[in-house]
Amino acid sequence: MSFRVLVVDDSKLARMAVAKALNALRPDWTRVEASNAEEALGHAKSGTFDMAIVDYNMPGRDGLELAAEILALKPGMPLAVISANHQVEVVTRAREVGATFLQKPLTEKALNEFASDAAKRLPKSP
Protein backbone atom coordinates (compact mmCIF):
# COMPACT_ATOMS: atom_id res chain seq x y z
CA MET A 1 0.00 0.00 0.00
CA SER A 2 1.35 3.40 -0.96
CA PHE A 3 0.92 6.46 1.24
CA ARG A 4 1.88 10.12 0.97
CA VAL A 5 4.14 11.50 3.70
CA LEU A 6 4.54 15.20 4.42
CA VAL A 7 8.08 16.03 5.59
CA VAL A 8 8.38 19.48 7.19
CA ASP A 9 11.76 20.92 8.10
CA ASP A 10 13.33 24.31 7.43
CA SER A 11 16.60 22.50 6.65
CA LYS A 12 16.83 21.08 3.11
CA LEU A 13 19.57 18.74 4.33
CA ALA A 14 17.31 17.37 7.08
CA ARG A 15 14.46 16.84 4.56
CA MET A 16 16.90 15.02 2.29
CA ALA A 17 18.00 12.75 5.17
CA VAL A 18 14.39 11.82 5.96
CA ALA A 19 13.71 11.30 2.24
CA LYS A 20 16.70 8.96 1.92
CA ALA A 21 15.58 6.90 4.92
CA LEU A 22 11.98 6.77 3.68
CA ASN A 23 13.15 5.69 0.22
CA ALA A 24 15.13 2.86 1.77
CA LEU A 25 12.27 1.73 4.02
CA ARG A 26 9.18 2.48 1.92
CA PRO A 27 10.18 3.00 -1.73
CA ASP A 28 6.54 2.93 -2.88
CA TRP A 29 5.54 5.83 -0.60
CA THR A 30 5.43 9.38 -1.98
CA ARG A 31 6.94 12.34 -0.17
CA VAL A 32 5.54 15.84 -0.08
CA GLU A 33 7.95 18.42 1.34
CA ALA A 34 7.47 21.74 3.07
CA SER A 35 10.14 24.08 4.38
CA ASN A 36 7.90 25.95 6.81
CA ALA A 37 4.59 25.88 8.65
CA GLU A 38 2.69 27.90 6.04
CA GLU A 39 3.62 25.50 3.23
CA ALA A 40 2.70 22.55 5.44
CA LEU A 41 -0.71 24.03 6.29
CA GLY A 42 -1.35 24.62 2.59
CA HIS A 43 -0.78 20.92 1.97
CA ALA A 44 -2.97 20.03 4.97
CA LYS A 45 -5.84 22.16 3.69
CA SER A 46 -5.65 20.57 0.25
CA GLY A 47 -5.45 17.08 1.72
CA THR A 48 -2.32 16.00 -0.14
CA PHE A 49 -0.84 13.61 2.44
CA ASP A 50 -1.70 10.71 4.76
CA MET A 51 0.84 11.24 7.54
CA ALA A 52 3.40 13.85 8.55
CA ILE A 53 6.89 14.14 9.99
CA VAL A 54 7.46 17.62 11.41
CA ASP A 55 10.64 19.17 12.80
CA TYR A 56 10.20 20.77 16.21
CA ASN A 57 12.67 23.63 15.89
CA MET A 58 11.64 25.90 13.02
CA PRO A 59 11.48 29.68 12.70
CA GLY A 60 8.10 31.29 13.25
CA ARG A 61 5.92 28.46 14.44
CA ASP A 62 7.45 25.50 16.26
CA GLY A 63 6.67 21.94 15.25
CA LEU A 64 4.32 21.33 18.17
CA GLU A 65 2.19 24.32 17.24
CA LEU A 66 2.17 23.15 13.63
CA ALA A 67 1.35 19.58 14.68
CA ALA A 68 -1.66 20.81 16.66
CA GLU A 69 -2.89 22.84 13.66
CA ILE A 70 -2.47 19.93 11.23
CA LEU A 71 -4.21 17.53 13.60
CA ALA A 72 -7.08 20.00 14.04
CA LEU A 73 -7.56 19.78 10.24
CA LYS A 74 -6.89 16.02 10.06
CA PRO A 75 -7.81 14.48 13.43
CA GLY A 76 -6.21 11.14 14.18
CA MET A 77 -3.74 11.37 11.32
CA PRO A 78 -0.35 9.78 12.17
CA LEU A 79 2.09 12.60 12.85
CA ALA A 80 5.60 12.56 14.30
CA VAL A 81 7.50 15.51 15.73
CA ILE A 82 11.27 15.12 15.45
CA SER A 83 13.79 16.97 17.55
CA ALA A 84 17.23 16.76 19.12
CA ASN A 85 15.57 18.41 22.13
CA HIS A 86 14.21 15.39 23.96
CA GLN A 87 13.39 17.11 27.23
CA VAL A 88 10.43 15.65 29.09
CA GLU A 89 8.39 18.83 28.46
CA VAL A 90 8.78 18.58 24.67
CA VAL A 91 8.01 14.85 24.60
CA THR A 92 4.97 15.37 26.85
CA ARG A 93 3.66 18.26 24.74
CA ALA A 94 4.03 16.15 21.60
CA ARG A 95 1.90 13.41 23.15
CA GLU A 96 -0.65 15.95 24.40
CA VAL A 97 -1.29 17.21 20.85
CA GLY A 98 -1.57 13.64 19.57
CA ALA A 99 1.85 13.33 17.95
CA THR A 100 4.58 10.72 18.24
CA PHE A 101 7.96 12.07 19.37
CA LEU A 102 11.04 10.90 17.45
CA GLN A 103 14.53 11.89 18.54
CA LYS A 104 17.13 13.36 16.18
CA PRO A 105 19.27 12.14 14.69
CA LEU A 106 16.41 10.15 13.24
CA THR A 107 17.33 6.48 12.84
CA GLU A 108 15.88 4.17 10.21
CA LYS A 109 14.68 1.93 13.04
CA ALA A 110 12.66 4.73 14.69
CA LEU A 111 11.33 5.91 11.33
CA ASN A 112 10.36 2.36 10.38
CA GLU A 113 8.49 1.87 13.68
CA PHE A 114 6.56 5.11 13.11
CA ALA A 115 5.82 4.24 9.46
CA SER A 116 4.68 0.71 10.31
CA ASP A 117 2.36 1.95 13.06
CA ALA A 118 1.03 4.71 10.79
CA ALA A 119 0.33 2.26 7.95
CA LYS A 120 -1.70 0.07 10.34
CA ARG A 121 -3.77 3.06 11.46
CA LEU A 122 -4.57 4.44 8.02
CA PRO A 123 -7.59 3.31 6.03
CA LYS A 124 -6.83 0.94 3.20
CA SER A 125 -7.91 2.13 -0.22
CA PRO A 126 -9.89 -0.35 -2.38
C-alpha atoms as a PDB file:
ATOM      1  CA  MET A   1       0.000   0.000   0.000  1.00  0.00           C
ATOM      2  CA  SER A   2       1.353   3.398  -0.960  1.00  0.00           C
ATOM      3  CA  PHE A   3       0.916   6.458   1.240  1.00  0.00           C
ATOM      4  CA  ARG A   4       1.881  10.121   0.967  1.00  0.00           C
ATOM      5  CA  VAL A   5       4.139  11.503   3.699  1.00  0.00           C
ATOM      6  CA  LEU A   6       4.543  15.204   4.417  1.00  0.00           C
ATOM      7  CA  VAL A   7       8.075  16.028   5.595  1.00  0.00           C
ATOM      8  CA  VAL A   8       8.377  19.480   7.189  1.00  0.00           C
ATOM      9  CA  ASP A   9      11.757  20.922   8.096  1.00  0.00           C
ATOM     10  CA  ASP A  10      13.333  24.308   7.433  1.00  0.00           C
ATOM     11  CA  SER A  11      16.603  22.499   6.645  1.00  0.00           C
ATOM     12  CA  LYS A  12      16.825  21.085   3.113  1.00  0.00           C
ATOM     13  CA  LEU A  13      19.565  18.741   4.332  1.00  0.00           C
ATOM     14  CA  ALA A  14      17.306  17.367   7.075  1.00  0.00           C
ATOM     15  CA  ARG A  15      14.459  16.841   4.565  1.00  0.00           C
ATOM     16  CA  MET A  16      16.901  15.016   2.287  1.00  0.00           C
ATOM     17  CA  ALA A  17      18.003  12.749   5.168  1.00  0.00           C
ATOM     18  CA  VAL A  18      14.388  11.823   5.957  1.00  0.00           C
ATOM     19  CA  ALA A  19      13.710  11.299   2.244  1.00  0.00           C
ATOM     20  CA  LYS A  20      16.702   8.964   1.924  1.00  0.00           C
ATOM     21  CA  ALA A  21      15.581   6.897   4.921  1.00  0.00           C
ATOM     22  CA  LEU A  22      11.977   6.772   3.676  1.00  0.00           C
ATOM     23  CA  ASN A  23      13.146   5.693   0.215  1.00  0.00           C
ATOM     24  CA  ALA A  24      15.131   2.855   1.766  1.00  0.00           C
ATOM     25  CA  LEU A  25      12.266   1.733   4.015  1.00  0.00           C
ATOM     26  CA  ARG A  26       9.176   2.476   1.917  1.00  0.00           C
ATOM     27  CA  PRO A  27      10.183   2.998  -1.727  1.00  0.00           C
ATOM     28  CA  ASP A  28       6.540   2.931  -2.877  1.00  0.00           C
ATOM     29  CA  TRP A  29       5.536   5.833  -0.600  1.00  0.00           C
ATOM     30  CA  THR A  30       5.429   9.379  -1.982  1.00  0.00           C
ATOM     31  CA  ARG A  31       6.937  12.339  -0.174  1.00  0.00           C
ATOM     32  CA  VAL A  32       5.543  15.843  -0.078  1.00  0.00           C
ATOM     33  CA  GLU A  33       7.952  18.418   1.339  1.00  0.00           C
ATOM     34  CA  ALA A  34       7.468  21.737   3.069  1.00  0.00           C
ATOM     35  CA  SER A  35      10.145  24.084   4.380  1.00  0.00           C
ATOM     36  CA  ASN A  36       7.902  25.951   6.812  1.00  0.00           C
ATOM     37  CA  ALA A  37       4.587  25.879   8.645  1.00  0.00           C
ATOM     38  CA  GLU A  38       2.687  27.899   6.044  1.00  0.00           C
ATOM     39  CA  GLU A  39       3.615  25.499   3.232  1.00  0.00           C
ATOM     40  CA  ALA A  40       2.695  22.550   5.442  1.00  0.00           C
ATOM     41  CA  LEU A  41      -0.708  24.034   6.288  1.00  0.00           C
ATOM     42  CA  GLY A  42      -1.347  24.618   2.593  1.00  0.00           C
ATOM     43  CA  HIS A  43      -0.781  20.918   1.971  1.00  0.00           C
ATOM     44  CA  ALA A  44      -2.973  20.031   4.971  1.00  0.00           C
ATOM     45  CA  LYS A  45      -5.844  22.160   3.686  1.00  0.00           C
ATOM     46  CA  SER A  46      -5.650  20.570   0.247  1.00  0.00           C
ATOM     47  CA  GLY A  47      -5.455  17.079   1.720  1.00  0.00           C
ATOM     48  CA  THR A  48      -2.322  16.002  -0.140  1.00  0.00           C
ATOM     49  CA  PHE A  49      -0.844  13.607   2.443  1.00  0.00           C
ATOM     50  CA  ASP A  50      -1.704  10.709   4.763  1.00  0.00           C
ATOM     51  CA  MET A  51       0.842  11.243   7.544  1.00  0.00           C
ATOM     52  CA  ALA A  52       3.403  13.853   8.548  1.00  0.00           C
ATOM     53  CA  ILE A  53       6.889  14.141   9.995  1.00  0.00           C
ATOM     54  CA  VAL A  54       7.457  17.621  11.410  1.00  0.00           C
ATOM     55  CA  ASP A  55      10.640  19.166  12.796  1.00  0.00           C
ATOM     56  CA  TYR A  56      10.201  20.770  16.208  1.00  0.00           C
ATOM     57  CA  ASN A  57      12.670  23.633  15.891  1.00  0.00           C
ATOM     58  CA  MET A  58      11.636  25.900  13.015  1.00  0.00           C
ATOM     59  CA  PRO A  59      11.481  29.681  12.704  1.00  0.00           C
ATOM     60  CA  GLY A  60       8.097  31.295  13.248  1.00  0.00           C
ATOM     61  CA  ARG A  61       5.916  28.462  14.441  1.00  0.00           C
ATOM     62  CA  ASP A  62       7.453  25.497  16.264  1.00  0.00           C
ATOM     63  CA  GLY A  63       6.675  21.938  15.248  1.00  0.00           C
ATOM     64  CA  LEU A  64       4.324  21.330  18.167  1.00  0.00           C
ATOM     65  CA  GLU A  65       2.187  24.323  17.240  1.00  0.00           C
ATOM     66  CA  LEU A  66       2.168  23.151  13.627  1.00  0.00           C
ATOM     67  CA  ALA A  67       1.347  19.579  14.677  1.00  0.00           C
ATOM     68  CA  ALA A  68      -1.656  20.811  16.659  1.00  0.00           C
ATOM     69  CA  GLU A  69      -2.887  22.835  13.656  1.00  0.00           C
ATOM     70  CA  ILE A  70      -2.467  19.933  11.229  1.00  0.00           C
ATOM     71  CA  LEU A  71      -4.210  17.530  13.601  1.00  0.00           C
ATOM     72  CA  ALA A  72      -7.075  19.998  14.037  1.00  0.00           C
ATOM     73  CA  LEU A  73      -7.562  19.780  10.245  1.00  0.00           C
ATOM     74  CA  LYS A  74      -6.887  16.020  10.058  1.00  0.00           C
ATOM     75  CA  PRO A  75      -7.808  14.481  13.435  1.00  0.00           C
ATOM     76  CA  GLY A  76      -6.207  11.136  14.177  1.00  0.00           C
ATOM     77  CA  MET A  77      -3.735  11.367  11.323  1.00  0.00           C
ATOM     78  CA  PRO A  78      -0.352   9.776  12.165  1.00  0.00           C
ATOM     79  CA  LEU A  79       2.088  12.599  12.851  1.00  0.00           C
ATOM     80  CA  ALA A  80       5.598  12.564  14.302  1.00  0.00           C
ATOM     81  CA  VAL A  81       7.497  15.513  15.726  1.00  0.00           C
ATOM     82  CA  ILE A  82      11.267  15.115  15.448  1.00  0.00           C
ATOM     83  CA  SER A  83      13.789  16.975  17.553  1.00  0.00           C
ATOM     84  CA  ALA A  84      17.226  16.759  19.116  1.00  0.00           C
ATOM     85  CA  ASN A  85      15.571  18.410  22.127  1.00  0.00           C
ATOM     86  CA  HIS A  86      14.205  15.388  23.957  1.00  0.00           C
ATOM     87  CA  GLN A  87      13.389  17.113  27.227  1.00  0.00           C
ATOM     88  CA  VAL A  88      10.427  15.653  29.092  1.00  0.00           C
ATOM     89  CA  GLU A  89       8.386  18.826  28.462  1.00  0.00           C
ATOM     90  CA  VAL A  90       8.777  18.583  24.674  1.00  0.00           C
ATOM     91  CA  VAL A  91       8.013  14.849  24.598  1.00  0.00           C
ATOM     92  CA  THR A  92       4.973  15.367  26.848  1.00  0.00           C
ATOM     93  CA  ARG A  93       3.659  18.256  24.743  1.00  0.00           C
ATOM     94  CA  ALA A  94       4.029  16.146  21.600  1.00  0.00           C
ATOM     95  CA  ARG A  95       1.899  13.411  23.149  1.00  0.00           C
ATOM     96  CA  GLU A  96      -0.647  15.950  24.397  1.00  0.00           C
ATOM     97  CA  VAL A  97      -1.288  17.214  20.851  1.00  0.00           C
ATOM     98  CA  GLY A  98      -1.571  13.636  19.569  1.00  0.00           C
ATOM     99  CA  ALA A  99       1.855  13.326  17.950  1.00  0.00           C
ATOM    100  CA  THR A 100       4.582  10.723  18.242  1.00  0.00           C
ATOM    101  CA  PHE A 101       7.960  12.073  19.369  1.00  0.00           C
ATOM    102  CA  LEU A 102      11.045  10.897  17.453  1.00  0.00           C
ATOM    103  CA  GLN A 103      14.533  11.895  18.541  1.00  0.00           C
ATOM    104  CA  LYS A 104      17.130  13.364  16.182  1.00  0.00           C
ATOM    105  CA  PRO A 105      19.274  12.141  14.694  1.00  0.00           C
ATOM    106  CA  LEU A 106      16.412  10.152  13.240  1.00  0.00           C
ATOM    107  CA  THR A 107      17.328   6.484  12.837  1.00  0.00           C
ATOM    108  CA  GLU A 108      15.885   4.173  10.206  1.00  0.00           C
ATOM    109  CA  LYS A 109      14.680   1.929  13.041  1.00  0.00           C
ATOM    110  CA  ALA A 110      12.665   4.729  14.688  1.00  0.00           C
ATOM    111  CA  LEU A 111      11.327   5.911  11.333  1.00  0.00           C
ATOM    112  CA  ASN A 112      10.356   2.360  10.385  1.00  0.00           C
ATOM    113  CA  GLU A 113       8.489   1.871  13.677  1.00  0.00           C
ATOM    114  CA  PHE A 114       6.556   5.110  13.109  1.00  0.00           C
ATOM    115  CA  ALA A 115       5.825   4.241   9.461  1.00  0.00           C
ATOM    116  CA  SER A 116       4.682   0.705  10.308  1.00  0.00           C
ATOM    117  CA  ASP A 117       2.363   1.945  13.057  1.00  0.00           C
ATOM    118  CA  ALA A 118       1.030   4.710  10.790  1.00  0.00           C
ATOM    119  CA  ALA A 119       0.326   2.259   7.955  1.00  0.00           C
ATOM    120  CA  LYS A 120      -1.702   0.071  10.344  1.00  0.00           C
ATOM    121  CA  ARG A 121      -3.775   3.062  11.464  1.00  0.00           C
ATOM    122  CA  LEU A 122      -4.570   4.435   8.019  1.00  0.00           C
ATOM    123  CA  PRO A 123      -7.588   3.307   6.029  1.00  0.00           C
ATOM    124  CA  LYS A 124      -6.833   0.944   3.201  1.00  0.00           C
ATOM    125  CA  SER A 125      -7.912   2.127  -0.218  1.00  0.00           C
ATOM    126  CA  PRO A 126      -9.888  -0.348  -2.382  1.00  0.00           C
END
